[in-house]
Amino acid sequence: MRFLISANTNKKKSYSLFNGLMAKTVFSCLLILALLIEPSYAQKKGRSLPLVRDAEIEGLLRDYASPIFKAAGMGIKNTKIYLVNKPEFNAFVTGRRIFINLGAIQTALTPNEIIGVIAHETGHILGGHLIRLRQRVERAQILTVLGMLAGVGAAISGGEAGGAASGALIYGSQDALKRTILAYKREEERAADQSAFNLLEKTGQSSKGLVTTFKRFSRSLNLSSSVDPYKVSHPLPQARITFMASLAKSSRFYNKTDSKNLQFRHNMARAKIAAYSMNAGAVRRLFSKNLNSPAARYGDAIATYLSGSPSAALPKIDSLIKDFPKFAYLHEMKGEILVKSGKAREAIKPFQRAISLDKYKSGIIRIQLGQAFLETGDKALVDKAIRELKAGISRDPHTSNGYEYLARAYAIKGNNNLAIAAAAEHNFVIGRYKQAKQYARRAQKELKRATPQWLRLQDIIKYKVPKKKRS
C-alpha cells in the first residue's frame, strides 16, 4: 500500500484518489450486500419492521405451515411465522423465521396460494441459502477488493490513462460481484421452487397456487424482453412460470382444492385484514360477488366497529355467532368490541368462550381476558386479571401489552416492586432498552438474589443493545 502511494510524487493527490476510490468501492459492496442478502433483516433488528399480532391469522398460518414443516423435518415450535403489516404480496425468510406480509394473505384467493409461499420459503431454510449466500459473498468480495486495489494502482501510476483504467477495473469488479450474487440467488430461487413442489407432493397438496403466485408476480413486474436476465435476482417470470407449471401439472394432486373449512377461515382472515388496514369499502370490493357471505359480513362488522360505531357492530357479530357458534374468533371479536365500548364486564364471557374454542390456546386471547377483568374497575377481579395475564404471557412472552396490563394490576394490588418488574419487561419487549434496564435495577433491589425473577431482570440489565447501523 505504502509502495503504491509513494510511486507518485503528488502524494496528497494520490492518497485522496485512493481514499475516494476505496470509499466508493466499500459503499458499493455494502449496498450490494444490503440489497441482496437480507433486505428486511436490518429493519427487524432495528425493530422498525411493522410486525402485527393476531390470534386468528396466526392460528390459520400455523395450520397452513404444520404439514409443510413436518414434511420438511422441521418442528412448528422451532420455526416461527411473523405477520408484517405491509400491503404488498411478499414473504421472506431469515434463519428459521418466515415473514409474510398481510397484503399477501389479503390478495391470495385461496389458502393454497399462501401454503405454496410457505413451502417455497421452507425450501430456502432447508437449503441453508442465506448461510451459503454469505459464503459466496465473502469469496466474491476478495476478488472485488483485489480488483479495487489493481484499479488504485493503475490510477496512481498511470496518470489520466491509469485513471480511466482504474474506473474500468473497479466498476468491473463491482459488477462481477453483483452478477455473482444475482446468479447465485437465481439458483436459490430455482432450488426453493423445486423444494416447494416436493414438500407439497409429500403433503398431498397442489402446486397450482404457487403457479398463480408466479403469474401475479409476472403481471406486477411487467418485465420486457430487453431486460438482462443476469441483472435480476429471480428467474424471469415466464421461465419460472413454465418450470413450475410443468412440475405442478405432472402431479396427481394438481386439481386438488382446499377444504371448505380452510377456505372459510382464509376468507375470514382476508376480510379482517381489509377492515383493519383499510375500510368497509375495501371489504365490499374484496367480496363484491357475494356481499352476504360470512367473510363480507365479518369484515363489515369489524369496519363498523373501527369507524366508531361499536353499538352497531355488536348485532352484526352476534348474527355471525348465531350462524357459526364454534368459531372462536367471532367470540374474541365480540369481547374486543365490548371492552372498547366500555362494557368490560360483558366482555368476560365472550373471551372465555373464545379461549375454550381456540385449539392453539393463544396467549393473546388470555391477555385480552385479563385486560377485561382489569377494565371492569372491580378490585375483586384483579387477582383473576393477574392469573390470566400471567398465563397469557407464559404462552406468548413477546406480547408487550400483557406486561403493561400486568404492571397496572400489580400497582392496583399495591405490589409496586412487581409492577416495576413488569414495566421492565414491557419496555424491553418494545425495544426501550434504557428504560427497561432502569426499571429492572429498581425492581431487582427488592428481590432475593438468584431467584428466577431476579435472574430474569439480570438478563435485561446485562443485555447488550445492538448498535444502530449507519444508513
Protein backbone atom coordinates (compact mmCIF):
# COMPACT_ATOMS: atom_id res chain seq x y z
CA MET A 1 0.00 0.00 0.00
CA ARG A 2 2.69 2.42 1.00
CA PHE A 3 4.59 1.44 -2.09
CA LEU A 4 1.69 2.34 -4.38
CA ILE A 5 1.27 5.75 -2.77
CA SER A 6 4.97 6.60 -2.93
CA ALA A 7 5.15 5.67 -6.61
CA ASN A 8 3.76 9.11 -7.45
CA THR A 9 5.40 12.40 -6.49
CA ASN A 10 1.99 14.02 -5.81
CA LYS A 11 1.33 12.16 -2.55
CA LYS A 12 -1.69 14.18 -1.43
CA LYS A 13 -3.47 13.74 -4.74
CA SER A 14 -2.72 10.00 -4.84
CA TYR A 15 -3.81 9.49 -1.24
CA SER A 16 -7.02 11.42 -1.88
CA LEU A 17 -7.71 9.44 -5.01
CA PHE A 18 -7.08 6.18 -3.16
CA ASN A 19 -9.44 7.13 -0.33
CA GLY A 20 -12.13 8.21 -2.76
CA LEU A 21 -11.94 5.02 -4.77
CA MET A 22 -11.78 2.91 -1.64
CA ALA A 23 -14.85 4.64 -0.18
CA LYS A 24 -16.82 4.22 -3.39
CA THR A 25 -15.92 0.55 -3.62
CA VAL A 26 -16.72 -0.20 0.01
CA PHE A 27 -20.01 1.70 -0.25
CA SER A 28 -20.94 -0.18 -3.41
CA CYS A 29 -20.14 -3.53 -1.77
CA LEU A 30 -22.21 -2.64 1.28
CA LEU A 31 -25.08 -1.51 -0.91
CA ILE A 32 -24.99 -4.75 -2.87
CA LEU A 33 -25.00 -6.75 0.36
CA ALA A 34 -27.84 -4.72 1.83
CA LEU A 35 -29.99 -5.18 -1.23
CA LEU A 36 -29.25 -8.81 -1.98
CA ILE A 37 -28.65 -10.71 1.23
CA GLU A 38 -31.45 -9.85 3.68
CA PRO A 39 -33.19 -6.60 2.75
CA SER A 40 -35.55 -6.69 5.72
CA TYR A 41 -33.32 -8.22 8.38
CA ALA A 42 -31.70 -4.94 9.38
CA GLN A 43 -35.14 -3.43 9.75
CA LYS A 44 -36.18 -6.19 12.09
CA LYS A 45 -33.02 -5.92 14.15
CA GLY A 46 -33.73 -2.23 14.47
CA ARG A 47 -37.32 -3.03 15.45
CA SER A 48 -38.67 -0.89 12.64
CA LEU A 49 -40.24 -3.81 10.80
CA PRO A 50 -44.02 -3.32 11.26
CA LEU A 51 -44.93 -6.65 12.84
CA VAL A 52 -48.51 -7.29 13.93
CA ARG A 53 -50.13 -9.89 16.17
CA ASP A 54 -53.48 -11.60 15.67
CA ALA A 55 -54.55 -14.91 17.22
CA GLU A 56 -56.88 -15.77 14.34
CA ILE A 57 -54.44 -15.23 11.49
CA GLU A 58 -51.52 -16.74 13.39
CA GLY A 59 -53.60 -19.87 14.04
CA LEU A 60 -54.53 -20.05 10.36
CA LEU A 61 -50.91 -19.78 9.22
CA ARG A 62 -49.95 -22.41 11.75
CA ASP A 63 -52.44 -24.80 10.16
CA TYR A 64 -51.07 -23.93 6.72
CA ALA A 65 -47.47 -24.48 7.82
CA SER A 66 -47.71 -27.53 10.11
CA PRO A 67 -47.91 -30.20 7.35
CA ILE A 68 -45.16 -28.45 5.36
CA PHE A 69 -42.83 -28.19 8.35
CA LYS A 70 -43.50 -31.81 9.30
CA ALA A 71 -42.70 -32.98 5.77
CA ALA A 72 -39.50 -30.93 5.91
CA GLY A 73 -38.49 -32.43 9.24
CA MET A 74 -38.85 -29.07 10.98
CA GLY A 75 -40.75 -28.54 14.22
CA ILE A 76 -43.51 -25.92 14.31
CA LYS A 77 -42.09 -24.65 17.63
CA ASN A 78 -38.63 -24.13 16.18
CA THR A 79 -39.75 -22.25 13.08
CA LYS A 80 -41.71 -19.06 13.62
CA ILE A 81 -44.00 -17.23 11.22
CA TYR A 82 -44.41 -13.48 11.66
CA LEU A 83 -47.01 -11.14 10.18
CA VAL A 84 -45.74 -7.96 8.56
CA ASN A 85 -48.10 -5.03 8.22
CA LYS A 86 -47.38 -4.25 4.58
CA PRO A 87 -49.82 -4.29 1.63
CA GLU A 88 -47.51 -5.90 -0.96
CA PHE A 89 -47.71 -9.57 -1.86
CA ASN A 90 -44.39 -10.66 -0.36
CA ALA A 91 -42.70 -13.08 2.02
CA PHE A 92 -39.11 -13.67 3.06
CA VAL A 93 -37.05 -15.77 5.42
CA THR A 94 -34.21 -15.07 7.86
CA GLY A 95 -32.70 -18.02 9.70
CA ARG A 96 -35.67 -20.17 10.76
CA ARG A 97 -38.13 -17.28 10.72
CA ILE A 98 -40.64 -16.73 7.95
CA PHE A 99 -42.18 -13.29 7.47
CA ILE A 100 -45.41 -12.94 5.48
CA ASN A 101 -46.99 -9.63 4.52
CA LEU A 102 -50.65 -9.15 5.41
CA GLY A 103 -51.07 -8.00 1.82
CA ALA A 104 -50.16 -11.48 0.61
CA ILE A 105 -52.94 -13.08 2.66
CA GLN A 106 -55.47 -10.44 1.64
CA THR A 107 -54.58 -10.79 -2.05
CA ALA A 108 -54.48 -14.59 -2.21
CA LEU A 109 -57.83 -16.02 -3.26
CA THR A 110 -57.16 -19.47 -1.84
CA PRO A 111 -55.25 -20.99 1.08
CA ASN A 112 -53.22 -22.99 -1.44
CA GLU A 113 -51.52 -19.83 -2.67
CA ILE A 114 -50.19 -18.99 0.79
CA ILE A 115 -49.36 -22.63 1.51
CA GLY A 116 -47.26 -22.59 -1.66
CA VAL A 117 -45.45 -19.47 -0.47
CA ILE A 118 -44.72 -21.10 2.91
CA ALA A 119 -43.44 -24.21 1.09
CA HIS A 120 -41.15 -22.02 -1.03
CA GLU A 121 -39.72 -20.17 1.99
CA THR A 122 -39.28 -23.50 3.78
CA GLY A 123 -37.25 -24.59 0.77
CA HIS A 124 -34.89 -21.68 1.42
CA ILE A 125 -34.49 -22.80 5.04
CA LEU A 126 -33.83 -26.42 4.07
CA GLY A 127 -31.26 -25.31 1.50
CA GLY A 128 -29.42 -23.13 4.01
CA HIS A 129 -29.46 -20.47 1.31
CA LEU A 130 -28.72 -17.45 3.48
CA ILE A 131 -25.64 -19.08 5.01
CA ARG A 132 -24.38 -20.25 1.63
CA LEU A 133 -25.05 -16.84 0.11
CA ARG A 134 -22.91 -15.16 2.75
CA GLN A 135 -20.11 -17.60 1.98
CA ARG A 136 -20.39 -16.78 -1.74
CA VAL A 137 -20.34 -13.08 -0.94
CA GLU A 138 -17.20 -13.42 1.19
CA ARG A 139 -15.36 -15.23 -1.59
CA ALA A 140 -16.58 -12.78 -4.22
CA GLN A 141 -15.56 -9.82 -2.04
CA ILE A 142 -11.94 -10.95 -2.09
CA LEU A 143 -11.92 -10.74 -5.88
CA THR A 144 -13.62 -7.35 -5.74
CA VAL A 145 -11.05 -5.93 -3.32
CA LEU A 146 -8.23 -7.24 -5.49
CA GLY A 147 -9.83 -5.56 -8.48
CA MET A 148 -10.19 -2.35 -6.48
CA LEU A 149 -6.51 -2.43 -5.48
CA ALA A 150 -5.48 -3.02 -9.07
CA GLY A 151 -7.63 -0.03 -10.04
CA VAL A 152 -5.97 2.16 -7.44
CA GLY A 153 -2.54 1.05 -8.68
CA ALA A 154 -3.47 1.98 -12.23
CA ALA A 155 -4.77 5.36 -11.11
CA ILE A 156 -1.65 6.23 -9.13
CA SER A 157 0.93 5.03 -11.63
CA GLY A 158 -0.72 5.73 -14.95
CA GLY A 159 -1.92 9.35 -15.00
CA GLU A 160 -5.12 10.04 -16.95
CA ALA A 161 -4.92 6.74 -18.79
CA GLY A 162 -4.46 5.00 -15.47
CA GLY A 163 -7.49 6.80 -14.09
CA ALA A 164 -9.65 5.56 -16.93
CA ALA A 165 -8.29 2.04 -16.48
CA SER A 166 -8.90 2.20 -12.73
CA GLY A 167 -12.55 3.07 -13.28
CA ALA A 168 -13.00 0.08 -15.56
CA LEU A 169 -11.23 -2.24 -13.12
CA ILE A 170 -13.09 -1.04 -10.04
CA TYR A 171 -16.56 -0.91 -11.52
CA GLY A 172 -15.90 -4.11 -13.44
CA SER A 173 -15.06 -5.79 -10.12
CA GLN A 174 -18.23 -4.43 -8.53
CA ASP A 175 -20.30 -5.60 -11.48
CA ALA A 176 -18.73 -9.04 -11.22
CA LEU A 177 -19.64 -9.22 -7.53
CA LYS A 178 -23.20 -8.16 -8.29
CA ARG A 179 -23.57 -10.71 -11.08
CA THR A 180 -22.08 -13.48 -8.95
CA ILE A 181 -24.56 -12.84 -6.17
CA LEU A 182 -27.52 -12.41 -8.51
CA ALA A 183 -26.68 -15.61 -10.35
CA TYR A 184 -26.49 -17.49 -7.08
CA LYS A 185 -29.80 -16.05 -5.93
CA ARG A 186 -31.41 -17.27 -9.14
CA GLU A 187 -30.05 -20.72 -8.37
CA GLU A 188 -31.51 -20.42 -4.86
CA GLU A 189 -34.94 -19.48 -6.14
CA ARG A 190 -34.98 -22.37 -8.59
CA ALA A 191 -33.92 -24.78 -5.83
CA ALA A 192 -36.57 -23.37 -3.46
CA ASP A 193 -39.23 -23.82 -6.17
CA GLN A 194 -38.23 -27.46 -6.56
CA SER A 195 -38.25 -27.96 -2.79
CA ALA A 196 -41.68 -26.35 -2.54
CA PHE A 197 -43.05 -28.78 -5.12
CA ASN A 198 -41.52 -31.74 -3.28
CA LEU A 199 -42.99 -30.62 0.05
CA LEU A 200 -46.43 -30.07 -1.45
CA GLU A 201 -46.25 -33.53 -3.02
CA LYS A 202 -45.35 -35.09 0.33
CA THR A 203 -48.34 -33.43 1.97
CA GLY A 204 -50.73 -34.29 -0.86
CA GLN A 205 -51.36 -30.67 -1.87
CA SER A 206 -51.48 -28.93 -5.23
CA SER A 207 -48.74 -26.64 -6.55
CA LYS A 208 -51.29 -24.72 -8.59
CA GLY A 209 -51.36 -21.89 -6.03
CA LEU A 210 -47.63 -21.34 -6.45
CA VAL A 211 -48.09 -21.04 -10.21
CA THR A 212 -50.84 -18.48 -9.60
CA THR A 213 -48.47 -16.52 -7.37
CA PHE A 214 -45.78 -16.51 -10.06
CA LYS A 215 -48.27 -15.26 -12.62
CA ARG A 216 -49.23 -12.48 -10.24
CA PHE A 217 -45.56 -11.51 -9.90
CA SER A 218 -45.23 -11.58 -13.67
CA ARG A 219 -48.07 -9.09 -14.09
CA SER A 220 -46.74 -6.77 -11.38
CA LEU A 221 -43.13 -6.82 -12.56
CA ASN A 222 -44.10 -6.34 -16.20
CA LEU A 223 -40.60 -7.18 -17.38
CA SER A 224 -39.83 -6.54 -21.03
CA SER A 225 -37.85 -8.82 -23.34
CA SER A 226 -34.94 -6.36 -23.24
CA VAL A 227 -34.25 -6.92 -19.53
CA ASP A 228 -30.87 -8.51 -18.83
CA PRO A 229 -31.72 -11.81 -17.06
CA TYR A 230 -28.34 -11.72 -15.32
CA LYS A 231 -29.22 -8.48 -13.54
CA VAL A 232 -32.30 -9.74 -11.71
CA SER A 233 -32.14 -11.91 -8.60
CA HIS A 234 -35.07 -14.14 -9.55
CA PRO A 235 -35.53 -16.05 -12.80
CA LEU A 236 -37.53 -14.12 -15.38
CA PRO A 237 -41.22 -14.68 -14.61
CA GLN A 238 -42.16 -16.60 -17.75
CA ALA A 239 -39.27 -19.03 -17.36
CA ARG A 240 -40.18 -19.56 -13.73
CA ILE A 241 -43.88 -19.97 -14.52
CA THR A 242 -43.12 -22.52 -17.22
CA PHE A 243 -40.84 -24.51 -14.92
CA MET A 244 -43.29 -24.50 -12.01
CA ALA A 245 -46.33 -25.15 -14.19
CA SER A 246 -44.71 -28.21 -15.73
CA LEU A 247 -43.98 -29.60 -12.27
CA ALA A 248 -47.43 -28.77 -10.95
CA LYS A 249 -49.27 -30.37 -13.87
CA SER A 250 -47.24 -33.55 -13.51
CA SER A 251 -48.67 -34.08 -10.03
CA ARG A 252 -51.71 -36.21 -9.29
CA PHE A 253 -52.69 -33.53 -6.76
CA TYR A 254 -52.81 -30.72 -9.35
CA ASN A 255 -56.60 -30.31 -9.25
CA LYS A 256 -56.95 -30.89 -5.52
CA THR A 257 -58.65 -27.96 -3.79
CA ASP A 258 -58.57 -26.67 -0.23
CA SER A 259 -61.13 -27.89 2.28
CA LYS A 260 -64.27 -25.81 2.73
CA ASN A 261 -63.31 -25.06 6.34
CA LEU A 262 -59.85 -23.84 5.38
CA GLN A 263 -61.28 -21.68 2.59
CA PHE A 264 -63.84 -20.26 5.03
CA ARG A 265 -61.12 -19.32 7.52
CA HIS A 266 -58.94 -17.87 4.78
CA ASN A 267 -61.78 -15.63 3.59
CA MET A 268 -62.48 -14.50 7.15
CA ALA A 269 -58.81 -13.56 7.57
CA ARG A 270 -58.83 -11.62 4.30
CA ALA A 271 -61.90 -9.71 5.46
CA LYS A 272 -60.33 -8.87 8.82
CA ILE A 273 -57.14 -7.59 7.18
CA ALA A 274 -59.11 -5.45 4.73
CA ALA A 275 -61.21 -3.97 7.53
CA TYR A 276 -58.26 -3.17 9.79
CA SER A 277 -55.89 -1.93 7.10
CA MET A 278 -58.45 -0.04 5.02
CA ASN A 279 -62.20 0.34 5.48
CA ALA A 280 -65.67 -1.06 4.77
CA GLY A 281 -65.37 -0.05 1.13
CA ALA A 282 -62.30 -2.26 0.74
CA VAL A 283 -64.21 -5.18 2.25
CA ARG A 284 -67.09 -4.67 -0.17
CA ARG A 285 -64.71 -4.53 -3.13
CA LEU A 286 -62.97 -7.69 -1.95
CA PHE A 287 -66.21 -9.65 -1.71
CA SER A 288 -68.27 -7.80 -4.30
CA LYS A 289 -69.51 -11.05 -5.84
CA ASN A 290 -71.21 -12.07 -2.60
CA LEU A 291 -71.79 -9.29 -0.09
CA ASN A 292 -73.85 -11.66 2.08
CA SER A 293 -71.03 -14.16 2.52
CA PRO A 294 -69.79 -14.77 6.07
CA ALA A 295 -66.46 -13.09 5.27
CA ALA A 296 -68.13 -9.98 3.82
CA ARG A 297 -70.36 -9.73 6.90
CA TYR A 298 -67.38 -10.24 9.20
CA GLY A 299 -65.36 -7.52 7.51
CA ASP A 300 -68.35 -5.20 7.58
CA ALA A 301 -68.88 -5.76 11.31
CA ILE A 302 -65.20 -5.06 12.09
CA ALA A 303 -65.16 -1.97 9.86
CA THR A 304 -68.32 -0.71 11.57
CA TYR A 305 -66.68 -1.12 14.97
CA LEU A 306 -63.47 0.57 13.86
CA SER A 307 -65.36 3.51 12.40
CA GLY A 308 -66.58 4.37 15.90
CA SER A 309 -69.92 2.54 16.00
CA PRO A 310 -69.46 -0.43 18.36
CA SER A 311 -73.17 -0.50 19.23
CA ALA A 312 -73.98 -1.02 15.55
CA ALA A 313 -71.24 -3.62 15.16
CA LEU A 314 -72.38 -5.88 18.01
CA PRO A 315 -75.63 -7.10 16.35
CA LYS A 316 -73.64 -7.95 13.23
CA ILE A 317 -71.16 -10.03 15.23
CA ASP A 318 -73.99 -11.67 17.18
CA SER A 319 -75.64 -12.66 13.89
CA LEU A 320 -72.41 -14.34 12.76
CA ILE A 321 -72.02 -16.08 16.12
CA LYS A 322 -75.53 -17.49 15.73
CA ASP A 323 -74.53 -18.95 12.34
CA PHE A 324 -71.05 -20.10 13.44
CA PRO A 325 -71.17 -20.62 17.22
CA LYS A 326 -67.93 -22.63 17.36
CA PHE A 327 -65.74 -20.14 15.51
CA ALA A 328 -63.53 -18.91 18.34
CA TYR A 329 -62.53 -15.60 16.81
CA LEU A 330 -66.06 -14.26 16.48
CA HIS A 331 -66.32 -14.51 20.27
CA GLU A 332 -62.91 -12.88 20.58
CA MET A 333 -64.02 -10.01 18.34
CA LYS A 334 -67.20 -9.55 20.36
CA GLY A 335 -65.12 -9.34 23.53
CA GLU A 336 -62.80 -6.77 21.98
CA ILE A 337 -65.70 -4.60 20.84
CA LEU A 338 -67.32 -4.75 24.29
CA VAL A 339 -64.08 -3.74 26.06
CA LYS A 340 -63.51 -0.83 23.69
CA SER A 341 -67.10 0.34 24.17
CA GLY A 342 -66.75 0.43 27.96
CA LYS A 343 -68.55 -2.85 28.68
CA ALA A 344 -65.64 -4.85 30.02
CA ARG A 345 -67.71 -6.98 32.40
CA GLU A 346 -69.87 -8.14 29.47
CA ALA A 347 -66.72 -9.00 27.53
CA ILE A 348 -65.57 -11.64 30.01
CA LYS A 349 -67.85 -14.44 28.81
CA PRO A 350 -67.10 -13.96 25.07
CA PHE A 351 -63.36 -14.09 25.80
CA GLN A 352 -63.78 -17.18 27.97
CA ARG A 353 -65.77 -18.81 25.18
CA ALA A 354 -63.08 -17.89 22.65
CA ILE A 355 -60.38 -19.45 24.86
CA SER A 356 -62.34 -22.68 25.17
CA LEU A 357 -62.77 -22.90 21.37
CA ASP A 358 -59.26 -21.82 20.36
CA LYS A 359 -57.37 -25.06 19.64
CA TYR A 360 -53.99 -23.35 19.82
CA LYS A 361 -54.77 -21.69 23.17
CA SER A 362 -53.27 -18.39 22.06
CA GLY A 363 -51.72 -16.31 24.80
CA ILE A 364 -53.11 -13.23 23.05
CA ILE A 365 -56.72 -14.11 23.95
CA ARG A 366 -55.77 -14.94 27.54
CA ILE A 367 -54.21 -11.48 27.80
CA GLN A 368 -57.38 -9.94 26.38
CA LEU A 369 -59.41 -11.71 29.06
CA GLY A 370 -57.02 -10.43 31.72
CA GLN A 371 -57.48 -6.93 30.35
CA ALA A 372 -61.27 -7.32 30.52
CA PHE A 373 -61.08 -8.27 34.20
CA LEU A 374 -58.86 -5.26 34.81
CA GLU A 375 -61.03 -2.80 32.86
CA THR A 376 -64.11 -3.59 34.96
CA GLY A 377 -62.56 -1.50 37.74
CA ASP A 378 -63.62 -4.18 40.23
CA LYS A 379 -60.74 -4.76 42.67
CA ALA A 380 -62.20 -8.17 43.48
CA LEU A 381 -61.34 -9.25 39.93
CA VAL A 382 -57.72 -8.07 39.94
CA ASP A 383 -56.39 -11.43 41.10
CA LYS A 384 -58.21 -13.09 38.20
CA ALA A 385 -56.74 -10.50 35.87
CA ILE A 386 -53.23 -11.27 37.12
CA ARG A 387 -53.80 -15.01 36.73
CA GLU A 388 -54.97 -14.65 33.12
CA LEU A 389 -52.27 -12.16 32.21
CA LYS A 390 -49.53 -14.39 33.59
CA ALA A 391 -51.00 -17.38 31.77
CA GLY A 392 -51.11 -15.41 28.52
CA ILE A 393 -47.56 -14.15 28.93
CA SER A 394 -46.38 -17.67 29.70
CA ARG A 395 -47.87 -18.83 26.40
CA ASP A 396 -46.66 -15.79 24.49
CA PRO A 397 -43.86 -13.88 26.24
CA HIS A 398 -43.40 -11.43 23.34
CA THR A 399 -46.81 -9.75 23.64
CA SER A 400 -45.89 -6.38 25.09
CA ASN A 401 -49.32 -5.23 26.27
CA GLY A 402 -49.54 -8.26 28.55
CA TYR A 403 -46.73 -6.82 30.69
CA GLU A 404 -48.30 -3.38 30.55
CA TYR A 405 -51.62 -4.67 31.94
CA LEU A 406 -49.77 -6.80 34.49
CA ALA A 407 -47.91 -3.75 35.76
CA ARG A 408 -51.25 -1.96 36.20
CA ALA A 409 -52.74 -4.93 38.02
CA TYR A 410 -49.82 -5.22 40.45
CA ALA A 411 -49.95 -1.47 41.08
CA ILE A 412 -53.66 -1.74 41.97
CA LYS A 413 -52.76 -4.52 44.41
CA GLY A 414 -50.12 -2.25 45.94
CA ASN A 415 -47.26 -4.54 44.91
CA ASN A 416 -45.12 -1.80 43.43
CA ASN A 417 -41.98 -3.90 43.06
CA LEU A 418 -43.69 -6.49 40.86
CA ALA A 419 -45.31 -3.63 38.93
CA ILE A 420 -41.86 -2.16 38.26
CA ALA A 421 -40.55 -5.59 37.19
CA ALA A 422 -43.46 -5.94 34.73
CA ALA A 423 -42.75 -2.43 33.45
CA ALA A 424 -39.15 -3.51 32.82
CA GLU A 425 -40.39 -6.46 30.74
CA HIS A 426 -42.82 -4.24 28.82
CA ASN A 427 -40.14 -1.72 27.90
CA PHE A 428 -37.71 -4.48 26.95
CA VAL A 429 -40.16 -6.17 24.56
CA ILE A 430 -40.94 -2.89 22.76
CA GLY A 431 -37.25 -2.01 22.45
CA ARG A 432 -36.93 0.72 25.07
CA TYR A 433 -33.80 -0.84 26.49
CA LYS A 434 -32.59 2.11 28.54
CA GLN A 435 -35.91 2.39 30.41
CA ALA A 436 -36.10 -1.40 30.74
CA LYS A 437 -32.68 -1.53 32.43
CA GLN A 438 -33.63 1.31 34.78
CA TYR A 439 -36.83 -0.44 35.87
CA ALA A 440 -35.01 -3.78 36.18
CA ARG A 441 -32.38 -2.31 38.52
CA ARG A 442 -35.08 -0.76 40.71
CA ALA A 443 -37.10 -3.97 40.93
CA GLN A 444 -34.09 -6.21 41.49
CA LYS A 445 -33.13 -4.41 44.71
CA GLU A 446 -36.23 -5.75 46.44
CA LEU A 447 -35.87 -9.33 45.23
CA LYS A 448 -33.90 -12.21 46.69
CA ARG A 449 -30.69 -12.76 44.77
CA ALA A 450 -30.56 -15.65 42.27
CA THR A 451 -34.33 -16.27 42.27
CA PRO A 452 -35.87 -16.85 38.81
CA GLN A 453 -37.31 -13.34 38.63
CA TRP A 454 -34.06 -11.76 39.88
CA LEU A 455 -32.15 -13.66 37.18
CA ARG A 456 -34.61 -12.58 34.51
CA LEU A 457 -34.14 -8.94 35.48
CA GLN A 458 -30.37 -9.53 35.47
CA ASP A 459 -30.68 -10.72 31.85
CA ILE A 460 -32.36 -7.41 30.98
CA ILE A 461 -29.68 -5.42 32.80
CA LYS A 462 -26.85 -7.26 31.04
CA TYR A 463 -28.47 -7.25 27.62
CA LYS A 464 -26.20 -5.64 25.04
CA VAL A 465 -28.17 -3.20 22.95
CA PRO A 466 -27.46 -3.69 19.21
CA LYS A 467 -25.63 -0.74 17.73
CA LYS A 468 -27.58 1.17 15.12
CA LYS A 469 -26.15 0.71 11.68
CA ARG A 470 -25.37 3.83 9.71
CA SER A 471 -27.62 4.28 6.70
